[in-house]
Amino acid sequence: MKTPTRTRSVGTKVTEEEYTRLEACVSEQGVSISEWCRSALLEKAKGDRSTEADEILLAEILALRMILLNLHFSVARGEAMNAADMQTIIDRADQAKARKAAERLSSSNREDR
């Protein structure tokens, strides 16, 4: 299948420092700066406003929330927590955190549209 001809142009001016940062991003991916910029612009235009950092931070916050709520609930019921119980709670939070963060960011992006 033939790729459509690119006939439109988008450009911007950047500082030397900004250009150096762009070059560093591009060198990791092995593409030209213009192709990297094109991909970045089109990705941003899709409407997905979350970044990998957003997802990581949200995942960790959700894991901490889950651990804290489980601990609080156990203490409120008068249950003693031992190391094995605590590790079970931590493991469960770690297993669910990435999925929950992705779900929350996905639903947030849908609501923004």
PDB file of N, CA and C in Angstrom:
ATOM      1  N   MET A   1       0.845  -1.182   0.000  1.00  0.00           N
ATOM      2  CA  MET A   1       0.000   0.000   0.000  1.00  0.00           C
ATOM      3  C   MET A   1       0.893   1.249   0.000  1.00  0.00           C
ATOM      4  N   LYS A   2       0.595   2.185  -0.863  1.00  0.00           N
ATOM      5  CA  LYS A   2       1.404   3.377  -1.018  1.00  0.00           C
ATOM      6  C   LYS A   2       1.118   4.368   0.110  1.00  0.00           C
ATOM      7  N   THR A   3       2.193   4.929   0.674  1.00  0.00           N
ATOM      8  CA  THR A   3       2.068   5.941   1.719  1.00  0.00           C
ATOM      9  C   THR A   3       1.614   7.246   1.092  1.00  0.00           C
ATOM     10  N   PRO A   4       0.631   7.921   1.702  1.00  0.00           N
ATOM     11  CA  PRO A   4       0.186   9.207   1.155  1.00  0.00           C
ATOM     12  C   PRO A   4       1.329  10.221   1.132  1.00  0.00           C
ATOM     13  N   THR A   5       1.345  11.062   0.124  1.00  0.00           N
ATOM     14  CA  THR A   5       2.362  12.090   0.000  1.00  0.00           C
ATOM     15  C   THR A   5       2.133  13.162   1.052  1.00  0.00           C
ATOM     16  N   ARG A   6       3.193  13.530   1.710  1.00  0.00           N
ATOM     17  CA  ARG A   6       3.107  14.585   2.732  1.00  0.00           C
ATOM     18  C   ARG A   6       3.294  15.927   2.028  1.00  0.00           C
ATOM     19  N   THR A   7       2.254  16.747   2.046  1.00  0.00           N
ATOM     20  CA  THR A   7       2.303  18.008   1.323  1.00  0.00           C
ATOM     21  C   THR A   7       2.233  19.234   2.227  1.00  0.00           C
ATOM     22  N   ARG A   8       1.960  19.030   3.501  1.00  0.00           N
ATOM     23  CA  ARG A   8       1.829  20.161   4.425  1.00  0.00           C
ATOM     24  C   ARG A   8       3.031  20.190   5.366  1.00  0.00           C
ATOM     25  N   SER A   9       3.350  21.378   5.892  1.00  0.00           N
ATOM     26  CA  SER A   9       4.509  21.524   6.756  1.00  0.00           C
ATOM     27  C   SER A   9       4.125  22.247   8.039  1.00  0.00           C
ATOM     28  N   VAL A  10       4.745  21.835   9.139  1.00  0.00           N
ATOM     29  CA  VAL A  10       4.571  22.496  10.428  1.00  0.00           C
ATOM     30  C   VAL A  10       5.975  22.751  10.962  1.00  0.00           C
ATOM     31  N   GLY A  11       6.244  23.964  11.446  1.00  0.00           N
ATOM     32  CA  GLY A  11       7.592  24.265  11.933  1.00  0.00           C
ATOM     33  C   GLY A  11       7.551  25.121  13.183  1.00  0.00           C
ATOM     34  N   THR A  12       8.698  25.163  13.858  1.00  0.00           N
ATOM     35  CA  THR A  12       8.830  25.999  15.042  1.00  0.00           C
ATOM     36  C   THR A  12      10.297  26.335  15.262  1.00  0.00           C
ATOM     37  N   LYS A  13      10.551  27.378  15.983  1.00  0.00           N
ATOM     38  CA  LYS A  13      11.910  27.759  16.347  1.00  0.00           C
ATOM     39  C   LYS A  13      12.172  27.276  17.768  1.00  0.00           C
ATOM     40  N   VAL A  14      13.405  26.823  18.021  1.00  0.00           N
ATOM     41  CA  VAL A  14      13.799  26.375  19.349  1.00  0.00           C
ATOM     42  C   VAL A  14      15.147  26.988  19.708  1.00  0.00           C
ATOM     43  N   THR A  15      15.442  27.035  20.996  1.00  0.00           N
ATOM     44  CA  THR A  15      16.739  27.529  21.453  1.00  0.00           C
ATOM     45  C   THR A  15      17.795  26.442  21.250  1.00  0.00           C
ATOM     46  N   GLU A  16      19.054  26.813  21.416  1.00  0.00           N
ATOM     47  CA  GLU A  16      20.130  25.821  21.317  1.00  0.00           C
ATOM     48  C   GLU A  16      19.942  24.729  22.360  1.00  0.00           C
ATOM     49  N   GLU A  17      19.573  25.120  23.583  1.00  0.00           N
ATOM     50  CA  GLU A  17      19.359  24.146  24.653  1.00  0.00           C
ATOM     51  C   GLU A  17      18.208  23.198  24.315  1.00  0.00           C
ATOM     52  N   GLU A  18      17.126  23.746  23.791  1.00  0.00           N
ATOM     53  CA  GLU A  18      15.983  22.903  23.405  1.00  0.00           C
ATOM     54  C   GLU A  18      16.359  21.950  22.272  1.00  0.00           C
ATOM     55  N   TYR A  19      17.129  22.449  21.319  1.00  0.00           N
ATOM     56  CA  TYR A  19      17.548  21.613  20.195  1.00  0.00           C
ATOM     57  C   TYR A  19      18.433  20.451  20.681  1.00  0.00           C
ATOM     58  N   THR A  20      19.306  20.751  21.638  1.00  0.00           N
ATOM     59  CA  THR A  20      20.163  19.715  22.220  1.00  0.00           C
ATOM     60  C   THR A  20      19.319  18.649  22.908  1.00  0.00           C
ATOM     61  N   ARG A  21      18.284  19.067  23.619  1.00  0.00           N
ATOM     62  CA  ARG A  21      17.384  18.106  24.269  1.00  0.00           C
ATOM     63  C   ARG A  21      16.653  17.257  23.234  1.00  0.00           C
ATOM     64  N   LEU A  22      16.226  17.875  22.141  1.00  0.00           N
ATOM     65  CA  LEU A  22      15.568  17.114  21.068  1.00  0.00           C
ATOM     66  C   LEU A  22      16.533  16.112  20.440  1.00  0.00           C
ATOM     67  N   GLU A  23      17.768  16.554  20.203  1.00  0.00           N
ATOM     68  CA  GLU A  23      18.764  15.640  19.637  1.00  0.00           C
ATOM     69  C   GLU A  23      18.983  14.429  20.531  1.00  0.00           C
ATOM     70  N   ALA A  24      18.992  14.660  21.840  1.00  0.00           N
ATOM     71  CA  ALA A  24      19.193  13.551  22.782  1.00  0.00           C
ATOM     72  C   ALA A  24      18.042  12.550  22.695  1.00  0.00           C
ATOM     73  N   CYS A  25      16.822  13.047  22.577  1.00  0.00           N
ATOM     74  CA  CYS A  25      15.654  12.163  22.436  1.00  0.00           C
ATOM     75  C   CYS A  25      15.727  11.373  21.139  1.00  0.00           C
ATOM     76  N   VAL A  26      16.113  12.045  20.085  1.00  0.00           N
ATOM     77  CA  VAL A  26      16.166  11.433  18.762  1.00  0.00           C
ATOM     78  C   VAL A  26      17.251  10.366  18.689  1.00  0.00           C
ATOM     79  N   SER A  27      18.406  10.627  19.306  1.00  0.00           N
ATOM     80  CA  SER A  27      19.517   9.683  19.214  1.00  0.00           C
ATOM     81  C   SER A  27      19.160   8.345  19.851  1.00  0.00           C
ATOM     82  N   GLU A  28      18.280   8.363  20.846  1.00  0.00           N
ATOM     83  CA  GLU A  28      17.844   7.121  21.488  1.00  0.00           C
ATOM     84  C   GLU A  28      16.990   6.272  20.553  1.00  0.00           C
ATOM     85  N   GLN A  29      16.334   6.907  19.581  1.00  0.00           N
ATOM     86  CA  GLN A  29      15.392   6.203  18.730  1.00  0.00           C
ATOM     87  C   GLN A  29      15.911   5.952  17.319  1.00  0.00           C
ATOM     88  N   GLY A  30      17.004   6.578  16.959  1.00  0.00           N
ATOM     89  CA  GLY A  30      17.606   6.324  15.652  1.00  0.00           C
ATOM     90  C   GLY A  30      16.808   6.842  14.467  1.00  0.00           C
ATOM     91  N   VAL A  31      16.127   7.978  14.636  1.00  0.00           N
ATOM     92  CA  VAL A  31      15.397   8.599  13.525  1.00  0.00           C
ATOM     93  C   VAL A  31      15.851  10.049  13.398  1.00  0.00           C
ATOM     94  N   SER A  32      15.444  10.693  12.308  1.00  0.00           N
ATOM     95  CA  SER A  32      15.788  12.107  12.127  1.00  0.00           C
ATOM     96  C   SER A  32      14.961  12.955  13.079  1.00  0.00           C
ATOM     97  N   ILE A  33      15.442  14.166  13.327  1.00  0.00           N
ATOM     98  CA  ILE A  33      14.697  15.068  14.212  1.00  0.00           C
ATOM     99  C   ILE A  33      13.323  15.370  13.630  1.00  0.00           C
ATOM    100  N   SER A  34      13.257  15.592  12.329  1.00  0.00           N
ATOM    101  CA  SER A  34      11.958  15.916  11.731  1.00  0.00           C
ATOM    102  C   SER A  34      10.977  14.750  11.869  1.00  0.00           C
ATOM    103  N   GLU A  35      11.461  13.524  11.684  1.00  0.00           N
ATOM    104  CA  GLU A  35      10.576  12.363  11.821  1.00  0.00           C
ATOM    105  C   GLU A  35      10.155  12.179  13.275  1.00  0.00           C
ATOM    106  N   TRP A  36      11.083  12.402  14.201  1.00  0.00           N
ATOM    107  CA  TRP A  36      10.755  12.287  15.626  1.00  0.00           C
ATOM    108  C   TRP A  36       9.705  13.332  16.004  1.00  0.00           C
ATOM    109  N   CYS A  37       9.905  14.575  15.536  1.00  0.00           N
ATOM    110  CA  CYS A  37       8.942  15.651  15.826  1.00  0.00           C
ATOM    111  C   CYS A  37       7.576  15.338  15.225  1.00  0.00           C
ATOM    112  N   ARG A  38       7.578  14.828  13.994  1.00  0.00           N
ATOM    113  CA  ARG A  38       6.323  14.452  13.347  1.00  0.00           C
ATOM    114  C   ARG A  38       5.587  13.411  14.181  1.00  0.00           C
ATOM    115  N   SER A  39       6.298  12.376  14.619  1.00  0.00           N
ATOM    116  CA  SER A  39       5.679  11.321  15.432  1.00  0.00           C
ATOM    117  C   SER A  39       5.167  11.874  16.756  1.00  0.00           C
ATOM    118  N   ALA A  40       5.969  12.737  17.398  1.00  0.00           N
ATOM    119  CA  ALA A  40       5.570  13.315  18.683  1.00  0.00           C
ATOM    120  C   ALA A  40       4.321  14.182  18.537  1.00  0.00           C
ATOM    121  N   LEU A  41       4.272  14.985  17.488  1.00  0.00           N
ATOM    122  CA  LEU A  41       3.100  15.843  17.255  1.00  0.00           C
ATOM    123  C   LEU A  41       1.846  15.011  16.991  1.00  0.00           C
ATOM    124  N   LEU A  42       1.993  14.005  16.138  1.00  0.00           N
ATOM    125  CA  LEU A  42       0.831  13.174  15.818  1.00  0.00           C
ATOM    126  C   LEU A  42       0.365  12.375  17.035  1.00  0.00           C
ATOM    127  N   GLU A  43       1.299  11.910  17.848  1.00  0.00           N
ATOM    128  CA  GLU A  43       0.932  11.183  19.073  1.00  0.00           C
ATOM    129  C   GLU A  43       0.170  12.100  20.020  1.00  0.00           C
ATOM    130  N   LYS A  44       0.655  13.320  20.165  1.00  0.00           N
ATOM    131  CA  LYS A  44      -0.012  14.289  21.041  1.00  0.00           C
ATOM    132  C   LYS A  44      -1.395  14.648  20.489  1.00  0.00           C
ATOM    133  N   ALA A  45      -1.524  14.697  19.187  1.00  0.00           N
ATOM    134  CA  ALA A  45      -2.801  15.061  18.568  1.00  0.00           C
ATOM    135  C   ALA A  45      -3.865  13.976  18.730  1.00  0.00           C
ATOM    136  N   LYS A  46      -3.440  12.760  19.069  1.00  0.00           N
ATOM    137  CA  LYS A  46      -4.413  11.688  19.290  1.00  0.00           C
ATOM    138  C   LYS A  46      -5.321  11.983  20.469  1.00  0.00           C
ATOM    139  N   GLY A  47      -4.854  12.853  21.366  1.00  0.00           N
ATOM    140  CA  GLY A  47      -5.674  13.197  22.513  1.00  0.00           C
ATOM    141  C   GLY A  47      -5.284  12.475  23.783  1.00  0.00           C
ATOM    142  N   ASP A  48      -4.297  11.602  23.726  1.00  0.00           N
ATOM    143  CA  ASP A  48      -3.845  10.919  24.930  1.00  0.00           C
ATOM    144  C   ASP A  48      -2.930  11.873  25.671  1.00  0.00           C
ATOM    145  N   ARG A  49      -3.440  12.458  26.721  1.00  0.00           N
ATOM    146  CA  ARG A  49      -2.687  13.479  27.428  1.00  0.00           C
ATOM    147  C   ARG A  49      -1.799  12.921  28.521  1.00  0.00           C
ATOM    148  N   SER A  50      -1.906  11.651  28.803  1.00  0.00           N
ATOM    149  CA  SER A  50      -1.079  11.077  29.853  1.00  0.00           C
ATOM    150  C   SER A  50       0.293  10.702  29.312  1.00  0.00           C
ATOM    151  N   THR A  51       1.267  10.730  30.186  1.00  0.00           N
ATOM    152  CA  THR A  51       2.609  10.324  29.825  1.00  0.00           C
ATOM    153  C   THR A  51       2.979   9.092  30.629  1.00  0.00           C
ATOM    154  N   GLU A  52       4.088   8.502  30.282  1.00  0.00           N
ATOM    155  CA  GLU A  52       4.554   7.341  31.038  1.00  0.00           C
ATOM    156  C   GLU A  52       4.808   7.730  32.490  1.00  0.00           C
ATOM    157  N   ALA A  53       5.353   8.933  32.703  1.00  0.00           N
ATOM    158  CA  ALA A  53       5.604   9.403  34.067  1.00  0.00           C
ATOM    159  C   ALA A  53       4.301   9.549  34.844  1.00  0.00           C
ATOM    160  N   ASP A  54       3.253  10.071  34.172  1.00  0.00           N
ATOM    161  CA  ASP A  54       1.948  10.188  34.817  1.00  0.00           C
ATOM    162  C   ASP A  54       1.456   8.826  35.290  1.00  0.00           C
ATOM    163  N   GLU A  55       1.612   7.843  34.429  1.00  0.00           N
ATOM    164  CA  GLU A  55       1.125   6.503  34.743  1.00  0.00           C
ATOM    165  C   GLU A  55       1.911   5.885  35.899  1.00  0.00           C
ATOM    166  N   ILE A  56       3.209   6.083  35.907  1.00  0.00           N
ATOM    167  CA  ILE A  56       4.041   5.549  36.991  1.00  0.00           C
ATOM    168  C   ILE A  56       3.680   6.207  38.321  1.00  0.00           C
ATOM    169  N   LEU A  57       3.578   7.519  38.308  1.00  0.00           N
ATOM    170  CA  LEU A  57       3.240   8.231  39.547  1.00  0.00           C
ATOM    171  C   LEU A  57       1.865   7.838  40.065  1.00  0.00           C
ATOM    172  N   LEU A  58       0.901   7.784  39.173  1.00  0.00           N
ATOM    173  CA  LEU A  58      -0.443   7.404  39.593  1.00  0.00           C
ATOM    174  C   LEU A  58      -0.460   5.979  40.116  1.00  0.00           C
ATOM    175  N   ALA A  59       0.278   5.078  39.478  1.00  0.00           N
ATOM    176  CA  ALA A  59       0.334   3.692  39.928  1.00  0.00           C
ATOM    177  C   ALA A  59       0.883   3.603  41.351  1.00  0.00           C
ATOM    178  N   GLU A  60       1.942   4.332  41.617  1.00  0.00           N
ATOM    179  CA  GLU A  60       2.530   4.299  42.955  1.00  0.00           C
ATOM    180  C   GLU A  60       1.588   4.904  43.992  1.00  0.00           C
ATOM    181  N   ILE A  61       0.924   5.981  43.647  1.00  0.00           N
ATOM    182  CA  ILE A  61      -0.032   6.601  44.575  1.00  0.00           C
ATOM    183  C   ILE A  61      -1.185   5.647  44.862  1.00  0.00           C
ATOM    184  N   LEU A  62      -1.682   4.993  43.825  1.00  0.00           N
ATOM    185  CA  LEU A  62      -2.776   4.041  44.030  1.00  0.00           C
ATOM    186  C   LEU A  62      -2.332   2.854  44.880  1.00  0.00           C
ATOM    187  N   ALA A  63      -1.102   2.391  44.703  1.00  0.00           N
ATOM    188  CA  ALA A  63      -0.584   1.288  45.517  1.00  0.00           C
ATOM    189  C   ALA A  63      -0.480   1.722  46.975  1.00  0.00           C
ATOM    190  N   LEU A  64       0.053   2.916  47.213  1.00  0.00           N
ATOM    191  CA  LEU A  64       0.143   3.420  48.582  1.00  0.00           C
ATOM    192  C   LEU A  64      -1.236   3.579  49.215  1.00  0.00           C
ATOM    193  N   ARG A  65      -2.182   4.063  48.436  1.00  0.00           N
ATOM    194  CA  ARG A  65      -3.556   4.218  48.920  1.00  0.00           C
ATOM    195  C   ARG A  65      -4.130   2.857  49.325  1.00  0.00           C
ATOM    196  N   MET A  66      -3.916   1.846  48.478  1.00  0.00           N
ATOM    197  CA  MET A  66      -4.441   0.521  48.763  1.00  0.00           C
ATOM    198  C   MET A  66      -3.819  -0.055  50.049  1.00  0.00           C
ATOM    199  N   ILE A  67      -2.507   0.112  50.184  1.00  0.00           N
ATOM    200  CA  ILE A  67      -1.817  -0.374  51.383  1.00  0.00           C
ATOM    201  C   ILE A  67      -2.341   0.342  52.622  1.00  0.00           C
ATOM    202  N   LEU A  68      -2.429   1.652  52.554  1.00  0.00           N
ATOM    203  CA  LEU A  68      -2.892   2.442  53.696  1.00  0.00           C
ATOM    204  C   LEU A  68      -4.318   2.078  54.098  1.00  0.00           C
ATOM    205  N   LEU A  69      -5.200   1.959  53.130  1.00  0.00           N
ATOM    206  CA  LEU A  69      -6.590   1.613  53.451  1.00  0.00           C
ATOM    207  C   LEU A  69      -6.712   0.219  54.047  1.00  0.00           C
ATOM    208  N   ASN A  70      -5.951  -0.728  53.509  1.00  0.00           N
ATOM    209  CA  ASN A  70      -5.976  -2.079  54.072  1.00  0.00           C
ATOM    210  C   ASN A  70      -5.445  -2.093  55.498  1.00  0.00           C
ATOM    211  N   LEU A  71      -4.367  -1.375  55.750  1.00  0.00           N
ATOM    212  CA  LEU A  71      -3.820  -1.292  57.103  1.00  0.00           C
ATOM    213  C   LEU A  71      -4.809  -0.633  58.057  1.00  0.00           C
ATOM    214  N   HIS A  72      -5.375   0.467  57.631  1.00  0.00           N
ATOM    215  CA  HIS A  72      -6.338   1.195  58.464  1.00  0.00           C
ATOM    216  C   HIS A  72      -7.541   0.308  58.794  1.00  0.00           C
ATOM    217  N   PHE A  73      -8.044  -0.399  57.829  1.00  0.00           N
ATOM    218  CA  PHE A  73      -9.189  -1.275  58.039  1.00  0.00           C
ATOM    219  C   PHE A  73      -8.839  -2.397  59.017  1.00  0.00           C
ATOM    220  N   SER A  74      -7.661  -2.979  58.888  1.00  0.00           N
ATOM    221  CA  SER A  74      -7.237  -4.043  59.800  1.00  0.00           C
ATOM    222  C   SER A  74      -7.097  -3.529  61.227  1.00  0.00           C
ATOM    223  N   VAL A  75      -6.483  -2.370  61.376  1.00  0.00           N
ATOM    224  CA  VAL A  75      -6.317  -1.775  62.705  1.00  0.00           C
ATOM    225  C   VAL A  75      -7.681  -1.417  63.305  1.00  0.00           C
ATOM    226  N   ALA A  76      -8.564  -0.896  62.488  1.00  0.00           N
ATOM    227  CA  ALA A  76      -9.900  -0.528  62.977  1.00  0.00           C
ATOM    228  C   ALA A  76     -10.673  -1.748  63.473  1.00  0.00           C
ATOM    229  N   ARG A  77     -10.407  -2.912  62.893  1.00  0.00           N
ATOM    230  CA  ARG A  77     -11.065  -4.140  63.337  1.00  0.00           C
ATOM    231  C   ARG A  77     -10.332  -4.779  64.517  1.00  0.00           C
ATOM    232  N   GLY A  78      -9.220  -4.188  64.924  1.00  0.00           N
ATOM    233  CA  GLY A  78      -8.462  -4.704  66.053  1.00  0.00           C
ATOM    234  C   GLY A  78      -7.573  -5.882  65.705  1.00  0.00           C
ATOM    235  N   GLU A  79      -7.280  -6.056  64.452  1.00  0.00           N
ATOM    236  CA  GLU A  79      -6.435  -7.169  64.017  1.00  0.00           C
ATOM    237  C   GLU A  79      -4.964  -6.777  64.097  1.00  0.00           C
ATOM    238  N   ALA A  80      -4.149  -7.704  64.551  1.00  0.00           N
ATOM    239  CA  ALA A  80      -2.705  -7.477  64.579  1.00  0.00           C
ATOM    240  C   ALA A  80      -2.135  -7.809  63.203  1.00  0.00           C
ATOM    241  N   MET A  81      -1.203  -6.984  62.748  1.00  0.00           N
ATOM    242  CA  MET A  81      -0.563  -7.212  61.451  1.00  0.00           C
ATOM    243  C   MET A  81       0.831  -7.779  61.682  1.00  0.00           C
ATOM    244  N   ASN A  82       1.130  -8.894  61.046  1.00  0.00           N
ATOM    245  CA  ASN A  82       2.491  -9.424  61.105  1.00  0.00           C
ATOM    246  C   ASN A  82       3.168  -9.174  59.760  1.00  0.00           C
ATOM    247  N   ALA A  83       4.433  -9.546  59.655  1.00  0.00           N
ATOM    248  CA  ALA A  83       5.206  -9.285  58.441  1.00  0.00           C
ATOM    249  C   ALA A  83       4.606  -9.977  57.216  1.00  0.00           C
ATOM    250  N   ALA A  84       4.112 -11.196  57.387  1.00  0.00           N
ATOM    251  CA  ALA A  84       3.527 -11.929  56.260  1.00  0.00           C
ATOM    252  C   ALA A  84       2.257 -11.249  55.757  1.00  0.00           C
ATOM    253  N   ASP A  85       1.410 -10.785  56.690  1.00  0.00           N
ATOM    254  CA  ASP A  85       0.184 -10.074  56.315  1.00  0.00           C
ATOM    255  C   ASP A  85       0.525  -8.792  55.555  1.00  0.00           C
ATOM    256  N   MET A  86       1.522  -8.067  56.074  1.00  0.00           N
ATOM    257  CA  MET A  86       1.933  -6.818  55.433  1.00  0.00           C
ATOM    258  C   MET A  86       2.469  -7.086  54.035  1.00  0.00           C
ATOM    259  N   GLN A  87       3.268  -8.125  53.867  1.00  0.00           N
ATOM    260  CA  GLN A  87       3.830  -8.460  52.556  1.00  0.00           C
ATOM    261  C   GLN A  87       2.733  -8.841  51.575  1.00  0.00           C
ATOM    262  N   THR A  88       1.706  -9.532  52.052  1.00  0.00           N
ATOM    263  CA  THR A  88       0.569  -9.896  51.197  1.00  0.00           C
ATOM    264  C   THR A  88      -0.131  -8.646  50.677  1.00  0.00           C
ATOM    265  N   ILE A  89      -0.331  -7.679  51.560  1.00  0.00           N
ATOM    266  CA  ILE A  89      -0.983  -6.419  51.162  1.00  0.00           C
ATOM    267  C   ILE A  89      -0.115  -5.681  50.141  1.00  0.00           C
ATOM    268  N   ILE A  90       1.176  -5.620  50.385  1.00  0.00           N
ATOM    269  CA  ILE A  90       2.091  -4.933  49.464  1.00  0.00           C
ATOM    270  C   ILE A  90       2.103  -5.620  48.102  1.00  0.00           C
ATOM    271  N   ASP A  91       2.191  -6.947  48.105  1.00  0.00           N
ATOM    272  CA  ASP A  91       2.210  -7.695  46.841  1.00  0.00           C
ATOM    273  C   ASP A  91       0.929  -7.478  46.050  1.00  0.00           C
ATOM    274  N   ARG A  92      -0.196  -7.479  46.727  1.00  0.00           N
ATOM    275  CA  ARG A  92      -1.483  -7.267  46.055  1.00  0.00           C
ATOM    276  C   ARG A  92      -1.554  -5.858  45.464  1.00  0.00           C
ATOM    277  N   ALA A  93      -1.061  -4.879  46.207  1.00  0.00           N
ATOM    278  CA  ALA A  93      -1.061  -3.499  45.705  1.00  0.00           C
ATOM    279  C   ALA A  93      -0.151  -3.367  44.490  1.00  0.00           C
ATOM    280  N   ASP A  94       1.032  -4.000  44.551  1.00  0.00           N
ATOM    281  CA  ASP A  94       1.969  -3.933  43.426  1.00  0.00           C
ATOM    282  C   ASP A  94       1.400  -4.599  42.173  1.00  0.00           C
ATOM    283  N   GLN A  95       0.686  -5.689  42.338  1.00  0.00           N
ATOM    284  CA  GLN A  95       0.125  -6.399  41.189  1.00  0.00           C
ATOM    285  C   GLN A  95      -0.975  -5.593  40.504  1.00  0.00           C
ATOM    286  N   ALA A  96      -1.707  -4.814  41.263  1.00  0.00           N
ATOM    287  CA  ALA A  96      -2.864  -4.112  40.707  1.00  0.00           C
ATOM    288  C   ALA A  96      -2.564  -2.686  40.274  1.00  0.00           C
ATOM    289  N   LYS A  97      -1.435  -2.123  40.716  1.00  0.00           N
ATOM    290  CA  LYS A  97      -1.222  -0.690  40.533  1.00  0.00           C
ATOM    291  C   LYS A  97      -1.153  -0.242  39.074  1.00  0.00           C
ATOM    292  N   ALA A  98      -0.437  -0.943  38.226  1.00  0.00           N
ATOM    293  CA  ALA A  98      -0.289  -0.514  36.829  1.00  0.00           C
ATOM    294  C   ALA A  98      -1.619  -0.589  36.090  1.00  0.00           C
ATOM    295  N   ARG A  99      -2.357  -1.660  36.310  1.00  0.00           N
ATOM    296  CA  ARG A  99      -3.658  -1.819  35.649  1.00  0.00           C
ATOM    297  C   ARG A  99      -4.619  -0.720  36.094  1.00  0.00           C
ATOM    298  N   LYS A 100      -4.662  -0.453  37.395  1.00  0.00           N
ATOM    299  CA  LYS A 100      -5.577   0.575  37.905  1.00  0.00           C
ATOM    300  C   LYS A 100      -5.203   1.957  37.399  1.00  0.00           C
ATOM    301  N   ALA A 101      -3.906   2.245  37.340  1.00  0.00           N
ATOM    302  CA  ALA A 101      -3.471   3.546  36.829  1.00  0.00           C
ATOM    303  C   ALA A 101      -3.859   3.709  35.367  1.00  0.00           C
ATOM    304  N   ALA A 102      -3.634   2.680  34.566  1.00  0.00           N
ATOM    305  CA  ALA A 102      -3.993   2.742  33.145  1.00  0.00           C
ATOM    306  C   ALA A 102      -5.500   2.941  32.978  1.00  0.00           C
ATOM    307  N   GLU A 103      -6.289   2.248  33.794  1.00  0.00           N
ATOM    308  CA  GLU A 103      -7.745   2.405  33.726  1.00  0.00           C
ATOM    309  C   GLU A 103      -8.160   3.828  34.074  1.00  0.00           C
ATOM    310  N   ARG A 104      -7.580   4.370  35.131  1.00  0.00           N
ATOM    311  CA  ARG A 104      -7.937   5.734  35.548  1.00  0.00           C
ATOM    312  C   ARG A 104      -7.527   6.765  34.501  1.00  0.00           C
ATOM    313  N   LEU A 105      -6.325   6.631  33.966  1.00  0.00           N
ATOM    314  CA  LEU A 105      -5.870   7.585  32.949  1.00  0.00           C
ATOM    315  C   LEU A 105      -6.693   7.453  31.678  1.00  0.00           C
ATOM    316  N   SER A 106      -7.051   6.242  31.321  1.00  0.00           N
ATOM    317  CA  SER A 106      -7.859   6.012  30.132  1.00  0.00           C
ATOM    318  C   SER A 106      -9.239   6.638  30.283  1.00  0.00           C
ATOM    319  N   SER A 107      -9.856   6.442  31.422  1.00  0.00           N
ATOM    320  CA  SER A 107     -11.189   7.021  31.629  1.00  0.00           C
ATOM    321  C   SER A 107     -11.103   8.538  31.717  1.00  0.00           C
ATOM    322  N   SER A 108     -10.025   9.054  32.266  1.00  0.00           N
ATOM    323  CA  SER A 108      -9.828  10.495  32.333  1.00  0.00           C
ATOM    324  C   SER A 108      -9.677  11.094  30.937  1.00  0.00           C
ATOM    325  N   ASN A 109      -8.919  10.414  30.082  1.00  0.00           N
ATOM    326  CA  ASN A 109      -8.731  10.893  28.705  1.00  0.00           C
ATOM    327  C   ASN A 109     -10.039  10.854  27.925  1.00  0.00           C
ATOM    328  N   ARG A 110     -10.860   9.833  28.148  1.00  0.00           N
ATOM    329  CA  ARG A 110     -12.157   9.764  27.458  1.00  0.00           C
ATOM    330  C   ARG A 110     -13.074  10.895  27.914  1.00  0.00           C
ATOM    331  N   GLU A 111     -13.037  11.236  29.192  1.00  0.00           N
ATOM    332  CA  GLU A 111     -13.883  12.309  29.720  1.00  0.00           C
ATOM    333  C   GLU A 111     -13.458  13.661  29.200  1.00  0.00           C
ATOM    334  N   ASP A 112     -12.146  13.836  28.923  1.00  0.00           N
ATOM    335  CA  ASP A 112     -11.630  15.113  28.433  1.00  0.00           C
ATOM    336  C   ASP A 112     -12.037  15.408  27.000  1.00  0.00           C
ATOM    337  N   ARG A 113     -12.396  14.401  26.246  1.00  0.00           N
ATOM    338  CA  ARG A 113     -12.707  14.597  24.816  1.00  0.00           C
ATOM    339  C   ARG A 113     -14.080  15.138  24.613  1.00  0.00           C
TER     340      ARG A 113
END
